[in-house]
Protein backbone atom coordinates (compact mmCIF):
# COMPACT_ATOMS: atom_id res chain seq x y z
CA UNK A 1 67.64 -59.16 -31.06
CA UNK A 2 64.50 -61.12 -30.49
CA UNK A 3 63.08 -62.48 -27.74
CA UNK A 4 62.22 -66.29 -28.46
CA UNK A 5 60.15 -68.77 -26.51
CA UNK A 6 60.76 -72.35 -26.39
CA UNK A 7 57.87 -74.58 -24.92
CA UNK A 8 58.92 -77.60 -23.02
CA UNK A 9 57.42 -80.61 -21.40
CA UNK A 10 58.31 -81.40 -17.98
CA UNK A 11 60.41 -84.26 -19.17
CA UNK A 12 61.50 -86.28 -22.28
CA UNK A 13 62.03 -83.35 -25.11
CA UNK A 14 64.54 -84.14 -27.48
CA UNK A 15 68.02 -82.89 -26.19
CA UNK A 16 69.45 -82.12 -29.83
CA UNK A 17 66.21 -80.26 -31.20
CA UNK A 18 66.23 -77.76 -28.07
CA UNK A 19 69.70 -77.31 -27.11
CA UNK A 20 71.23 -76.96 -30.82
CA UNK A 21 68.36 -74.49 -31.48
CA UNK A 22 69.19 -72.61 -28.20
CA UNK A 23 72.75 -72.40 -29.08
CA UNK A 24 72.30 -71.18 -32.66
CA UNK A 25 69.78 -68.63 -31.62
CA UNK A 26 71.89 -67.42 -28.57
CA UNK A 27 74.92 -66.99 -30.64
CA UNK A 28 72.90 -64.96 -33.02
CA UNK A 29 72.56 -62.62 -30.51
CA UNK A 30 68.57 -63.59 -29.65
CA UNK A 31 67.39 -64.01 -26.23
CA UNK A 32 65.93 -67.54 -25.46
CA UNK A 33 63.29 -68.10 -22.70
CA UNK A 34 61.47 -71.19 -21.64
CA UNK A 35 58.10 -72.10 -20.58
CA UNK A 36 57.50 -75.67 -18.68
CA UNK A 37 54.37 -76.84 -17.18
CA UNK A 38 54.83 -76.27 -13.33
CA UNK A 39 57.50 -73.47 -13.66
CA UNK A 40 60.44 -75.85 -12.96
CA UNK A 41 63.18 -76.62 -15.25
CA UNK A 42 62.44 -79.40 -17.92
CA UNK A 43 64.52 -82.57 -18.19
CA UNK A 44 65.33 -84.06 -21.35
CA UNK A 45 64.82 -87.75 -22.40
CA UNK A 46 68.00 -89.32 -20.60
CA UNK A 47 67.82 -92.37 -23.26
CA UNK A 48 68.76 -89.76 -26.08
CA UNK A 49 71.33 -87.77 -23.81
CA UNK A 50 73.63 -91.03 -22.45
CA UNK A 51 72.28 -93.70 -24.68
CA UNK A 52 71.77 -95.96 -21.77
CA UNK A 53 68.90 -98.26 -22.66
CA UNK A 54 68.90 -98.69 -26.36
CA UNK A 55 70.91 -101.74 -26.34
CA UNK A 56 69.46 -105.44 -26.00
CA UNK A 57 71.26 -105.58 -22.41
CA UNK A 58 69.67 -102.14 -21.66
CA UNK A 59 67.43 -103.31 -19.06
CA UNK A 60 69.89 -104.90 -16.89
CA UNK A 61 71.27 -102.49 -14.08
CA UNK A 62 74.81 -103.00 -14.54
CA UNK A 63 75.15 -103.71 -18.27
CA UNK A 64 73.35 -101.02 -19.16
CA UNK A 65 75.89 -98.50 -18.24
CA UNK A 66 77.96 -100.04 -21.30
CA UNK A 67 76.11 -98.78 -24.52
CA UNK A 68 76.93 -99.87 -27.94
CA UNK A 69 74.10 -99.05 -30.15
CA UNK A 70 73.25 -96.28 -27.98
CA UNK A 71 76.22 -94.21 -28.64
CA UNK A 72 75.22 -94.32 -32.09
CA UNK A 73 71.69 -93.15 -31.61
CA UNK A 74 72.03 -90.75 -28.75
CA UNK A 75 72.62 -87.13 -29.04
CA UNK A 76 75.92 -86.61 -30.76
CA UNK A 77 78.81 -84.45 -28.93
CA UNK A 78 78.03 -81.16 -30.27
CA UNK A 79 74.38 -81.62 -29.18
CA UNK A 80 75.60 -83.05 -25.96
CA UNK A 81 77.63 -80.08 -25.31
CA UNK A 82 74.84 -77.63 -26.31
CA UNK A 83 72.75 -79.16 -23.63
CA UNK A 84 75.18 -78.99 -20.85
CA UNK A 85 75.43 -75.19 -21.86
CA UNK A 86 71.56 -74.66 -22.18
CA UNK A 87 70.91 -76.45 -18.79
CA UNK A 88 73.08 -73.89 -16.92
CA UNK A 89 71.55 -71.09 -18.43
CA UNK A 90 69.68 -68.90 -15.66
CA UNK A 91 66.59 -68.44 -18.15
CA UNK A 92 66.56 -72.20 -18.43
CA UNK A 93 66.64 -72.70 -14.37
CA UNK A 94 64.02 -70.17 -14.07
CA UNK A 95 61.13 -71.05 -16.69
CA UNK A 96 57.73 -69.35 -16.95
CA UNK A 97 54.62 -71.50 -16.00
CA UNK A 98 52.79 -72.63 -19.16
CA UNK A 99 49.65 -71.02 -17.89
CA UNK A 100 51.70 -67.64 -17.12
CA UNK A 101 52.97 -67.02 -20.84
CA UNK A 102 51.92 -63.65 -22.62
CA UNK A 103 52.39 -64.59 -26.33
CA UNK A 104 52.29 -60.79 -27.08
CA UNK A 105 55.51 -60.46 -24.85
CA UNK A 106 57.54 -62.54 -27.06
CA UNK A 107 58.91 -61.87 -30.77
CA UNK A 108 58.76 -65.26 -31.98
CA UNK A 109 58.23 -69.11 -30.74
CA UNK A 110 60.30 -72.29 -31.21
CA UNK A 111 58.81 -75.72 -30.75
CA UNK A 112 61.33 -78.46 -30.20
CA UNK A 113 60.07 -82.18 -30.54
CA UNK A 114 60.73 -85.63 -28.42
CA UNK A 115 59.13 -88.97 -29.16
CA UNK A 116 59.05 -90.69 -25.88
CA UNK A 117 55.18 -91.09 -24.89
CA UNK A 118 56.00 -90.80 -21.10
CA UNK A 119 56.43 -87.04 -21.23
CA UNK A 120 55.62 -85.77 -24.54
CA UNK A 121 52.01 -86.71 -24.53
CA UNK A 122 51.11 -83.75 -22.18
CA UNK A 123 52.97 -81.30 -24.19
CA UNK A 124 51.31 -82.51 -27.28
CA UNK A 125 47.92 -82.64 -25.90
CA UNK A 126 48.11 -79.58 -23.84
CA UNK A 127 45.03 -77.01 -24.47
CA UNK A 128 47.12 -74.36 -22.82
CA UNK A 129 50.23 -74.66 -25.46
CA UNK A 130 47.78 -74.86 -28.37
CA UNK A 131 46.21 -71.76 -27.04
CA UNK A 132 49.75 -70.19 -27.16
CA UNK A 133 50.66 -71.52 -30.61
CA UNK A 134 47.47 -69.89 -32.12
CA UNK A 135 48.21 -66.74 -30.42
CA UNK A 136 51.56 -66.58 -32.20
CA UNK A 137 50.09 -67.53 -35.53
CA UNK A 138 47.28 -65.12 -34.99
CA UNK A 139 49.73 -62.28 -34.33
CA UNK A 140 52.13 -63.42 -37.68
CA UNK A 141 55.07 -63.68 -35.48
CA UNK A 142 57.71 -66.29 -36.55
CA UNK A 143 57.21 -69.42 -35.29
CA UNK A 144 59.70 -72.69 -36.10
CA UNK A 145 58.62 -76.30 -35.08
CA UNK A 146 60.75 -79.52 -35.39
CA UNK A 147 59.94 -83.29 -35.49
CA UNK A 148 56.80 -83.58 -32.82
CA UNK A 149 56.76 -79.94 -32.44
CA UNK A 150 55.24 -79.66 -35.69
CA UNK A 151 52.40 -82.33 -34.46
CA UNK A 152 51.93 -79.60 -31.59
CA UNK A 153 51.23 -76.82 -34.17
CA UNK A 154 49.00 -78.91 -36.40
CA UNK A 155 46.76 -79.70 -33.26
CA UNK A 156 46.26 -75.99 -32.97
CA UNK A 157 42.87 -75.24 -34.16
CA UNK A 158 42.19 -71.63 -34.59
CA UNK A 159 38.67 -70.32 -33.59
CA UNK A 160 38.43 -67.89 -36.30
CA UNK A 161 38.58 -70.63 -39.04
CA UNK A 162 38.18 -74.04 -37.22
CA UNK A 163 41.08 -75.30 -38.92
CA UNK A 164 44.79 -75.91 -37.97
CA UNK A 165 47.26 -72.90 -37.90
CA UNK A 166 49.40 -74.95 -40.55
CA UNK A 167 46.15 -74.88 -42.85
CA UNK A 168 47.53 -73.17 -46.01
CA UNK A 169 51.30 -73.62 -44.81
CA UNK A 170 53.81 -75.75 -46.37
CA UNK A 171 55.53 -77.74 -43.69
CA UNK A 172 57.85 -81.02 -43.19
CA UNK A 173 58.01 -82.99 -39.67
CA UNK A 174 59.11 -86.26 -38.76
CA UNK A 175 58.72 -88.41 -41.82
CA UNK A 176 57.03 -91.75 -41.43
CA UNK A 177 60.00 -93.32 -43.15
CA UNK A 178 62.25 -91.95 -40.22
CA UNK A 179 59.81 -93.06 -37.42
CA UNK A 180 59.31 -96.42 -38.69
CA UNK A 181 63.01 -97.03 -39.22
CA UNK A 182 63.72 -96.09 -35.51
CA UNK A 183 60.79 -98.21 -34.19
CA UNK A 184 61.93 -101.19 -36.23
CA UNK A 185 65.25 -100.95 -34.72
CA UNK A 186 64.18 -100.43 -31.20
CA UNK A 187 61.85 -103.57 -31.46
CA UNK A 188 65.18 -105.41 -31.81
CA UNK A 189 67.45 -103.65 -29.64
CA UNK A 190 65.10 -102.45 -26.98
CA UNK A 191 62.38 -105.57 -27.25
CA UNK A 192 61.49 -105.08 -23.44
CA UNK A 193 59.90 -101.76 -24.38
CA UNK A 194 59.74 -101.97 -28.43
CA UNK A 195 57.30 -98.69 -28.74
CA UNK A 196 59.93 -96.17 -27.31
CA UNK A 197 60.04 -94.54 -30.71
CA UNK A 198 56.22 -94.22 -31.27
CA UNK A 199 54.45 -91.58 -29.24
CA UNK A 200 50.98 -92.93 -30.47
CA UNK A 201 50.23 -96.32 -31.97
CA UNK A 202 47.47 -97.27 -34.63
CA UNK A 203 44.43 -98.64 -33.04
CA UNK A 204 42.29 -101.60 -34.54
CA UNK A 205 41.26 -100.92 -38.32
CA UNK A 206 43.86 -97.90 -38.80
CA UNK A 207 46.09 -98.41 -41.51
CA UNK A 208 50.12 -98.80 -41.07
CA UNK A 209 51.35 -95.34 -40.20
CA UNK A 210 47.96 -93.93 -39.56
CA UNK A 211 49.04 -92.26 -36.12
CA UNK A 212 52.81 -91.38 -37.54
CA UNK A 213 53.51 -87.56 -37.06
CA UNK A 214 53.63 -87.33 -40.95
CA UNK A 215 50.14 -88.63 -41.47
CA UNK A 216 48.85 -86.58 -38.71
CA UNK A 217 50.07 -83.32 -39.74
CA UNK A 218 49.45 -84.16 -43.19
CA UNK A 219 45.77 -84.39 -42.27
CA UNK A 220 45.74 -80.97 -40.92
CA UNK A 221 47.02 -79.43 -44.00
CA UNK A 222 45.05 -77.82 -46.89
CA UNK A 223 46.60 -80.39 -49.48
CA UNK A 224 48.31 -83.45 -48.68
CA UNK A 225 51.35 -82.41 -51.25
CA UNK A 226 51.91 -79.25 -48.74
CA UNK A 227 53.64 -81.72 -46.31
CA UNK A 228 57.05 -81.70 -47.92
CA UNK A 229 59.60 -84.37 -47.97
CA UNK A 230 63.41 -84.58 -49.50
CA UNK A 231 62.43 -84.94 -53.44
CA UNK A 232 64.10 -87.71 -55.14
CA UNK A 233 65.89 -85.57 -57.45
CA UNK A 234 67.73 -84.07 -54.46
CA UNK A 235 71.68 -84.56 -55.18
CA UNK A 236 71.89 -85.28 -51.45
CA UNK A 237 68.74 -87.38 -51.29
CA UNK A 238 70.42 -90.45 -49.79
CA UNK A 239 72.50 -88.43 -47.31
CA UNK A 240 69.13 -86.52 -46.04
CA UNK A 241 67.05 -89.71 -46.00
CA UNK A 242 69.38 -92.30 -44.39
CA UNK A 243 68.91 -91.21 -40.73
CA UNK A 244 72.38 -91.91 -40.41
CA UNK A 245 73.91 -88.63 -41.05
CA UNK A 246 73.28 -84.99 -39.20
CA UNK A 247 73.93 -81.57 -40.38
CA UNK A 248 76.68 -79.38 -38.33
CA UNK A 249 76.83 -75.77 -38.11
CA UNK A 250 79.09 -75.71 -41.15
CA UNK A 251 77.47 -78.66 -43.12
CA UNK A 252 73.78 -78.44 -44.14
CA UNK A 253 73.83 -80.93 -46.89
CA UNK A 254 72.52 -83.66 -44.49
CA UNK A 255 69.51 -81.30 -43.54
CA UNK A 256 65.90 -80.63 -44.84
CA UNK A 257 64.34 -77.66 -43.83
CA UNK A 258 61.16 -75.67 -45.00
CA UNK A 259 60.31 -72.15 -44.72
CA UNK A 260 56.97 -70.80 -45.56
CA UNK A 261 56.47 -67.07 -44.92
CA UNK A 262 56.85 -66.68 -41.06
CA UNK A 263 57.03 -70.32 -40.32
CA UNK A 264 60.10 -72.73 -40.33
CA UNK A 265 59.92 -76.49 -39.80
CA UNK A 266 62.28 -79.72 -39.95
CA UNK A 267 62.30 -83.25 -39.35
CA UNK A 268 64.42 -84.65 -36.92
CA UNK A 269 67.68 -83.76 -34.80
CA UNK A 270 69.89 -84.09 -37.65
CA UNK A 271 68.41 -81.07 -39.06
CA UNK A 272 68.77 -79.02 -36.10
CA UNK A 273 71.84 -76.60 -37.04
CA UNK A 274 70.23 -75.83 -40.52
CA UNK A 275 66.88 -75.42 -38.64
CA UNK A 276 67.94 -72.83 -36.31
CA UNK A 277 70.35 -71.13 -38.54
CA UNK A 278 67.07 -70.53 -40.72
CA UNK A 279 65.05 -69.23 -38.05
CA UNK A 280 67.82 -67.08 -36.64
CA UNK A 281 68.04 -65.79 -40.13
CA UNK A 282 64.44 -64.97 -40.38
CA UNK A 283 64.56 -63.32 -36.88
CA UNK A 284 67.46 -60.97 -37.98
CA UNK A 285 65.42 -59.77 -41.24
CA UNK A 286 63.96 -56.07 -41.69
CA UNK A 287 60.41 -55.92 -40.42
């Protein structure tokens, strides 16, 4: 049994990536504890939970209660049920403060993602969290990161090396293809807030996708090819890259997960079950 720490922002984390991972790890016999900025329970991105606000009428108070596109894009039933279970967990209800966490007290670390800039930027830019991530890597403890959680790891610069803790590792993360696809859709369906799916936008002079998760993570790696994506030769390539199919506890075919030594990474909520199972299996391996 491992004691696993989940780091969460005060709000807007992805409910699927956190809750599915929580359920898989708990069902495997591991203990999951949480940390938030102020020691109060975090709140997931409500749009990803309810689907309200992802339709062209989503800004109209009454009509937004009748989502259509939102029902397809929100967390699926399995993830919503896991989220309901997670937020009732006593460990979730009483999290630690970020600044009170002692990495040496935990066996492993998991970094969920989320894209909504309103809540995620504080998480991704936190010096405190970056120090915690460095602490886990320095102690060679198991670390798992999914989607924007990989970006937090990539930004964690070791004082010993002056490089990201991911330097020398192979990793995946939210790909530019998936990020751009969601962004393009939101510019139509959520036209009053077209950048909902982009946490960071390119500035003047920066090329297309420069501030995407994939490109920023890649810049932190030893080699560009250390950023892993689904190979075109994969027999399930279309299933894995369409952004339309998600894995389940019994079906890993839509998922793409990368493991390199003590580190596991994945791209988006559609990988969450396989991501968490891979991490749970790692935690159960003999020391």
